[in-house]
Protein backbone atom coordinates (compact mmCIF):
# COMPACT_ATOMS: atom_id res chain seq x y z
CA MET A 1 14.26 -2.67 7.50
CA VAL A 2 12.66 0.66 8.31
CA LEU A 3 9.25 0.12 9.92
CA VAL A 4 6.67 2.93 9.86
CA HIS A 5 3.62 2.60 12.12
CA GLY A 6 0.13 3.93 11.47
CA GLY A 7 -2.40 5.98 13.39
CA GLY A 8 -2.54 5.09 17.07
CA GLY A 9 0.68 3.14 16.67
CA LYS A 10 4.11 3.40 18.20
CA ALA A 11 7.60 1.94 17.92
CA PHE A 12 6.41 -1.67 18.15
CA PRO A 13 9.23 -3.89 19.54
CA LYS A 14 7.58 -7.06 18.24
CA TRP A 15 7.55 -5.69 14.71
CA ALA A 16 11.30 -5.13 14.83
CA GLU A 17 11.74 -8.56 16.40
CA HIS A 18 9.75 -10.12 13.55
CA TRP A 19 12.35 -8.89 11.09
CA ALA A 20 15.32 -9.52 13.37
CA GLU A 21 14.28 -13.16 13.68
CA ARG A 22 14.36 -13.31 9.88
CA GLY A 23 17.95 -12.09 9.73
CA TYR A 24 17.41 -8.37 9.27
CA CYS A 25 18.50 -5.33 11.23
CA ALA A 26 15.27 -3.42 11.85
CA LEU A 27 14.33 0.02 13.13
CA ALA A 28 10.85 0.77 14.46
CA MET A 29 10.29 4.43 15.35
CA ASP A 30 7.63 6.52 17.05
CA LEU A 31 6.04 9.22 14.89
CA ALA A 32 3.55 10.65 17.36
CA GLY A 33 5.91 12.42 19.77
CA ASN A 34 5.90 9.65 22.37
CA GLY A 35 8.65 7.94 24.30
CA PRO A 36 8.45 4.70 26.30
CA SER A 37 6.51 6.43 29.09
CA GLY A 38 4.30 8.77 27.12
CA ARG A 39 4.42 12.17 25.48
CA LEU A 40 7.87 13.74 25.16
CA PRO A 41 8.28 17.46 25.98
CA ASP A 42 10.06 17.99 22.64
CA GLY A 43 8.07 15.38 20.71
CA GLY A 44 7.01 17.66 17.89
CA PRO A 45 3.55 17.53 16.28
CA ASP A 46 1.27 14.72 17.41
CA GLN A 47 -0.53 12.35 15.06
CA SER A 48 -4.12 13.54 15.47
CA ASP A 49 -6.14 14.40 12.38
CA ASP A 50 -6.53 17.97 13.60
CA VAL A 51 -2.75 18.32 13.48
CA LYS A 52 -2.29 16.44 10.19
CA PHE A 53 -4.77 18.61 8.33
CA ARG A 54 -4.33 21.98 10.04
CA GLU A 55 -3.77 25.07 7.95
CA PHE A 56 -0.17 26.03 7.17
CA ASP A 57 1.86 28.53 5.19
CA ALA A 58 5.42 28.76 3.91
CA LYS A 59 6.72 29.52 7.40
CA THR A 60 4.87 26.69 9.16
CA GLU A 61 4.99 23.95 6.49
CA ARG A 62 7.96 22.31 8.23
CA ASP A 63 5.97 22.15 11.46
CA MET A 64 3.40 19.82 9.92
CA TRP A 65 3.18 16.19 11.09
CA THR A 66 3.82 14.71 7.64
CA TYR A 67 7.01 16.74 7.24
CA HIS A 68 8.32 15.57 10.62
CA ALA A 69 7.28 11.95 10.02
CA VAL A 70 8.89 11.73 6.58
CA ALA A 71 12.06 13.34 7.91
CA ALA A 72 12.12 10.84 10.79
CA ALA A 73 11.79 7.87 8.43
CA ILE A 74 14.58 9.12 6.15
CA ARG A 75 16.80 9.94 9.11
CA GLY A 76 16.04 6.52 10.57
CA HIS A 77 17.17 4.99 7.28
CA THR A 78 20.43 6.92 7.46
CA LEU A 79 21.05 5.80 11.06
CA LEU A 80 20.29 2.19 10.18
CA ALA A 81 22.44 2.21 7.05
CA GLY A 82 25.34 3.60 9.07
CA LEU A 83 25.54 0.58 11.38
CA PRO A 84 28.57 -1.61 10.68
CA GLU A 85 26.49 -4.79 10.50
CA VAL A 86 24.12 -3.35 7.88
CA ASP A 87 24.63 -3.60 4.12
CA LYS A 88 23.55 -0.10 3.13
CA LYS A 89 22.91 -1.28 -0.42
CA ARG A 90 20.21 -3.69 0.76
CA THR A 91 17.59 -1.74 2.71
CA ALA A 92 13.81 -1.61 2.49
CA VAL A 93 10.88 0.21 4.06
CA THR A 94 7.36 -0.87 4.95
CA GLY A 95 4.55 0.98 6.67
CA ILE A 96 1.00 0.29 7.77
CA SER A 97 -2.02 2.60 7.24
CA TRP A 98 -0.70 6.14 7.84
CA GLY A 99 2.67 4.39 7.78
CA GLY A 100 1.78 3.10 4.31
CA TYR A 101 0.90 6.65 3.32
CA LEU A 102 4.33 7.75 4.56
CA THR A 103 6.03 4.83 2.81
CA CYS A 104 4.59 6.04 -0.51
CA ILE A 105 6.11 9.48 0.07
CA VAL A 106 9.45 8.18 1.36
CA ALA A 107 9.81 5.82 -1.62
CA GLY A 108 9.63 8.86 -3.90
CA LEU A 109 12.12 10.90 -1.89
CA ASP A 110 14.77 8.42 -0.71
CA ASP A 111 16.22 6.51 -3.66
CA ARG A 112 18.52 4.41 -1.44
CA PHE A 113 15.78 1.89 -0.69
CA LYS A 114 15.75 -1.28 -2.77
CA ALA A 115 12.12 -2.16 -1.98
CA ALA A 116 9.07 -0.52 -0.42
CA VAL A 117 5.76 -1.95 0.81
CA PRO A 118 2.87 0.37 1.70
CA VAL A 119 0.13 -1.60 3.47
CA TYR A 120 -3.32 0.06 3.15
CA GLY A 121 -1.96 3.60 2.79
CA CYS A 122 -1.98 5.45 -0.54
CA GLY A 123 -2.53 8.86 -2.13
CA PHE A 124 -5.41 10.86 -3.60
CA LEU A 125 -6.82 11.37 -0.11
CA ASN A 126 -8.72 14.44 -1.27
CA GLU A 127 -10.55 12.49 -3.98
CA SER A 128 -11.58 9.29 -2.20
CA SER A 129 -10.63 8.40 1.35
CA TYR A 130 -11.94 8.37 4.90
CA TRP A 131 -10.85 12.01 5.19
CA LYS A 132 -12.52 13.45 2.07
CA GLU A 133 -15.76 14.67 3.60
CA PRO A 134 -14.71 15.53 7.18
CA ARG A 135 -11.47 17.21 6.14
CA PHE A 136 -10.92 18.11 2.50
CA ASP A 137 -14.49 19.07 1.61
CA LYS A 138 -14.52 21.49 4.54
CA MET A 139 -11.16 23.07 3.67
CA GLY A 140 -12.25 24.62 0.43
CA ALA A 141 -10.65 23.86 -2.93
CA GLU A 142 -7.64 26.18 -2.62
CA ARG A 143 -6.56 25.04 0.83
CA ALA A 144 -7.20 21.38 -0.02
CA MET A 145 -5.02 21.57 -3.12
CA LYS A 146 -2.29 23.28 -1.11
CA TRP A 147 -2.26 20.31 1.30
CA VAL A 148 -2.29 17.83 -1.59
CA ASN A 149 0.61 19.50 -3.36
CA ALA A 150 2.70 19.41 -0.19
CA PHE A 151 1.67 16.18 1.52
CA ASP A 152 -0.28 13.79 -0.71
CA PRO A 153 1.61 10.68 -1.91
CA SER A 154 0.32 11.25 -5.44
CA ARG A 155 2.90 14.02 -5.73
CA TYR A 156 5.80 11.69 -4.80
CA LEU A 157 5.02 8.21 -6.12
CA PRO A 158 6.02 9.02 -9.73
CA ALA A 159 9.59 9.52 -8.49
CA ALA A 160 9.82 6.11 -6.77
CA LYS A 161 12.70 4.08 -8.20
CA CYS A 162 12.49 0.87 -6.19
CA PRO A 163 10.10 -2.06 -6.72
CA MET A 164 6.95 -1.76 -4.62
CA LEU A 165 4.30 -4.11 -3.26
CA PHE A 166 0.87 -2.60 -2.54
CA LEU A 167 -1.25 -4.64 -0.10
CA ASN A 168 -4.81 -3.68 0.85
CA GLY A 169 -8.33 -4.99 1.43
CA THR A 170 -11.36 -4.66 -0.82
CA ASN A 171 -13.39 -2.86 1.84
CA ASP A 172 -10.74 -0.83 3.60
CA PHE A 173 -12.45 1.95 5.54
CA ALA A 174 -9.71 4.53 4.98
CA TYR A 175 -8.00 3.87 1.65
CA PRO A 176 -10.53 2.67 -0.98
CA LEU A 177 -9.54 0.77 -4.10
CA ASP A 178 -10.10 3.65 -6.54
CA SER A 179 -7.46 5.83 -4.85
CA TYR A 180 -5.28 2.77 -4.32
CA LYS A 181 -5.26 1.90 -8.04
CA LYS A 182 -4.55 5.49 -9.06
CA SER A 183 -1.65 5.49 -6.62
CA TYR A 184 0.14 2.34 -7.75
CA GLN A 185 -0.40 3.24 -11.40
CA LEU A 186 1.82 6.28 -10.83
CA VAL A 187 4.84 4.10 -10.01
CA LYS A 188 7.26 3.58 -12.91
CA SER A 189 9.33 0.88 -11.19
CA PRO A 190 8.04 -2.74 -10.93
CA VAL A 191 4.81 -3.04 -8.90
CA ALA A 192 3.15 -6.06 -7.30
CA ILE A 193 -0.42 -5.95 -5.96
CA SER A 194 -2.09 -8.04 -3.28
CA VAL A 195 -5.71 -7.09 -2.64
CA ARG A 196 -7.62 -9.32 -0.20
CA VAL A 197 -11.36 -9.72 0.04
CA ARG A 198 -12.53 -8.05 3.26
CA LEU A 199 -9.05 -7.83 4.77
CA PRO A 200 -9.30 -6.25 8.26
CA HIS A 201 -7.47 -2.98 8.89
CA GLY A 202 -4.92 -2.97 11.69
CA HIS A 203 -1.28 -3.05 12.69
CA ILE A 204 -0.69 -6.42 11.05
CA TRP A 205 2.94 -7.16 10.18
CA THR A 206 2.74 -10.91 9.62
CA PHE A 207 1.84 -10.91 5.94
CA GLY A 208 3.89 -13.58 4.19
CA GLU A 209 3.65 -11.58 0.97
CA VAL A 210 5.55 -8.69 2.55
CA ASP A 211 8.27 -10.98 3.88
CA ALA A 212 8.69 -12.82 0.57
CA PHE A 213 8.66 -9.63 -1.50
CA ILE A 214 11.39 -8.04 0.62
CA ASP A 215 13.44 -11.25 0.70
CA SER A 216 13.34 -11.59 -3.06
CA ARG A 217 14.54 -8.02 -3.55
CA ILE A 218 17.29 -7.65 -0.98
CA LYS A 219 18.09 -11.10 0.40
CA VAL A 220 17.22 -14.54 -1.05
CA GLY A 221 14.04 -16.35 -2.00
CA ASN A 222 11.65 -16.80 -4.89
CA PRO A 223 9.64 -13.73 -5.84
CA LEU A 224 5.89 -13.47 -5.62
CA PRO A 225 3.97 -14.71 -8.66
CA SER A 226 3.69 -12.12 -11.41
CA LEU A 227 0.35 -11.32 -13.04
CA GLY A 228 -0.04 -9.47 -16.32
CA GLU A 229 -2.70 -6.94 -17.21
CA ILE A 230 -6.25 -8.25 -16.95
CA ARG A 231 -7.98 -8.81 -20.32
CA ARG A 232 -11.68 -9.22 -21.08
CA GLU A 233 -13.25 -10.92 -24.09
CA GLY A 234 -17.01 -11.12 -23.80
CA ASP A 235 -17.75 -12.81 -20.48
CA LYS A 236 -14.22 -14.24 -20.08
CA VAL A 237 -11.39 -12.50 -18.25
CA SER A 238 -7.78 -13.62 -18.07
CA ALA A 239 -4.25 -12.58 -17.21
CA THR A 240 -0.85 -14.07 -17.82
CA VAL A 241 0.86 -15.54 -14.78
CA ALA A 242 4.48 -16.47 -14.12
CA SER A 243 5.71 -18.09 -10.94
CA LYS A 244 8.83 -19.88 -9.73
CA GLU A 245 6.66 -21.56 -7.12
CA LYS A 246 3.90 -23.99 -7.98
CA LEU A 247 0.50 -22.32 -8.19
CA LYS A 248 -2.28 -23.89 -6.15
CA ASP A 249 -5.26 -21.60 -6.67
CA GLY A 250 -6.78 -18.96 -8.93
CA ARG A 251 -9.80 -16.80 -8.07
CA LEU A 252 -12.11 -14.24 -9.58
CA CYS A 253 -13.15 -11.59 -7.05
CA TYR A 254 -16.07 -9.32 -7.91
CA ALA A 255 -18.67 -6.92 -6.53
CA THR A 256 -21.34 -4.56 -7.77
CA ALA A 257 -19.66 -1.41 -9.05
CA ILE A 258 -21.88 1.13 -7.30
CA GLY A 259 -21.96 2.72 -3.87
CA PRO A 260 -19.16 3.32 -1.37
CA TRP A 261 -16.23 0.95 -1.79
CA GLN A 262 -16.31 0.16 1.91
CA LYS A 263 -19.86 -1.26 1.69
CA ARG A 264 -19.63 -3.35 -1.48
CA GLU A 265 -20.34 -7.05 -1.11
CA TRP A 266 -17.40 -8.91 -2.60
CA LYS A 267 -17.59 -12.51 -3.75
CA SER A 268 -14.84 -14.91 -4.77
CA VAL A 269 -15.16 -17.88 -7.13
CA PRO A 270 -12.59 -20.33 -8.55
CA ALA A 271 -10.67 -19.46 -11.71
CA ASP A 272 -8.79 -21.83 -14.00
CA LEU A 273 -5.00 -22.00 -14.17
CA THR A 274 -3.95 -23.16 -17.62
CA GLU A 275 -1.01 -22.62 -19.98
CA GLY A 276 0.46 -19.72 -18.08
CA ARG A 277 -2.83 -17.88 -17.62
CA VAL A 278 -5.52 -17.49 -15.00
CA VAL A 279 -8.96 -17.50 -16.63
CA ALA A 280 -12.50 -16.99 -15.29
CA LYS A 281 -16.04 -16.36 -16.46
CA LEU A 282 -17.68 -13.15 -15.32
CA PRO A 283 -21.13 -13.13 -13.73
CA ALA A 284 -23.92 -11.66 -15.83
CA GLU A 285 -24.87 -8.77 -13.54
CA HIS A 286 -23.70 -5.22 -14.33
CA PRO A 287 -22.32 -2.81 -13.22
CA LEU A 288 -19.39 -4.87 -12.00
CA VAL A 289 -15.93 -4.42 -10.51
CA TYR A 290 -13.58 -7.39 -10.55
CA PHE A 291 -10.00 -8.64 -10.41
CA LEU A 292 -8.12 -11.93 -10.61
CA THR A 293 -5.84 -13.47 -7.98
CA VAL A 294 -3.45 -16.41 -7.80
CA THR A 295 -2.04 -18.15 -4.73
CA ASP A 296 1.21 -20.10 -4.82
CA ALA A 297 2.28 -23.19 -2.87
CA ARG A 298 3.55 -20.97 -0.03
CA GLY A 299 0.03 -19.58 0.42
CA LEU A 300 1.07 -16.16 -0.95
CA GLU A 301 -1.54 -14.25 -2.92
CA VAL A 302 -1.18 -11.58 -5.61
CA SER A 303 -3.78 -9.74 -7.67
CA THR A 304 -4.33 -7.93 -10.90
CA ALA A 305 -5.51 -4.35 -10.85
CA HIS A 306 -9.29 -4.19 -10.65
CA ASP A 307 -11.42 -3.41 -13.70
CA GLU A 308 -14.98 -2.13 -13.98
CA ILE A 309 -17.90 -2.76 -16.33
CA PRO A 310 -20.56 -0.03 -16.32
CA LEU A 311 -24.28 -0.66 -16.41
CA GLY A 312 -25.08 -2.02 -19.86
CA GLY A 313 -21.39 -2.42 -20.67
CA ASP A 314 -20.74 -5.33 -23.02
CA GLY A 315 -17.50 -4.36 -24.73
CA SER A 316 -14.19 -6.16 -24.33
CA LYS A 317 -10.72 -4.92 -23.65
């Protein structure tokens, strides 16, 4: 397991221990130029936003933080795969926040991985993210697009060849659901989604969904439940569901489809599980954004992609 921390993070020993205790060889690295006792004299670019988004040209592109961080993750994979106790054909990567952002890029560049899990992080940062107004809007269109073409995950996700799990919260302050959906829709390999209502943002590496997804792809264990595309007929929405584990719960999650994603008030109500489908009735208010979830007997939750109904929208799809 290659473990990629987020902003303000470091090479967390407990994260590596979490995977080691589960029978994996794990590598947690520092991507901010720090060693055990602080900043290294040859640590390279730090992880501040000023450094991440600074101006660059053809000569300085390789001095950018993203370039160094992606190179470190790929090199870390090579070092890990070279250990005699590691099966180099069964490796995976997961990252949190900026580490999730990096995981999206690495998954498109390093085709040796058999699974990848970006938590929170995604692409399209110039279109909708915490950094749109303070960074991209102030760059100007030409400079912003130059950064996007070099360093945004949207440019790399279409090349990802391994299965991926995308895990995020409905109100994430940094990576909102519109950019998140556009990101995972770029992936051509199998994709699982787990979006949680009001999930807090932090260096959390104890998600059972991440463990089970990785296990099912490179070790042993039943996969996460699989949800089909969400369908709407009038005020009813449904999706097919397949699971090797018994399902214990279905939910409809919804919010008003206006205003900043971070401030929307999400609600969750029970949905029916019947004949291989999860089915729910939509509330009457519009505009609306919604998705369906199921939870299996292990307590592991997966979601459909979200859908939106505009004001006055009454069609079905």
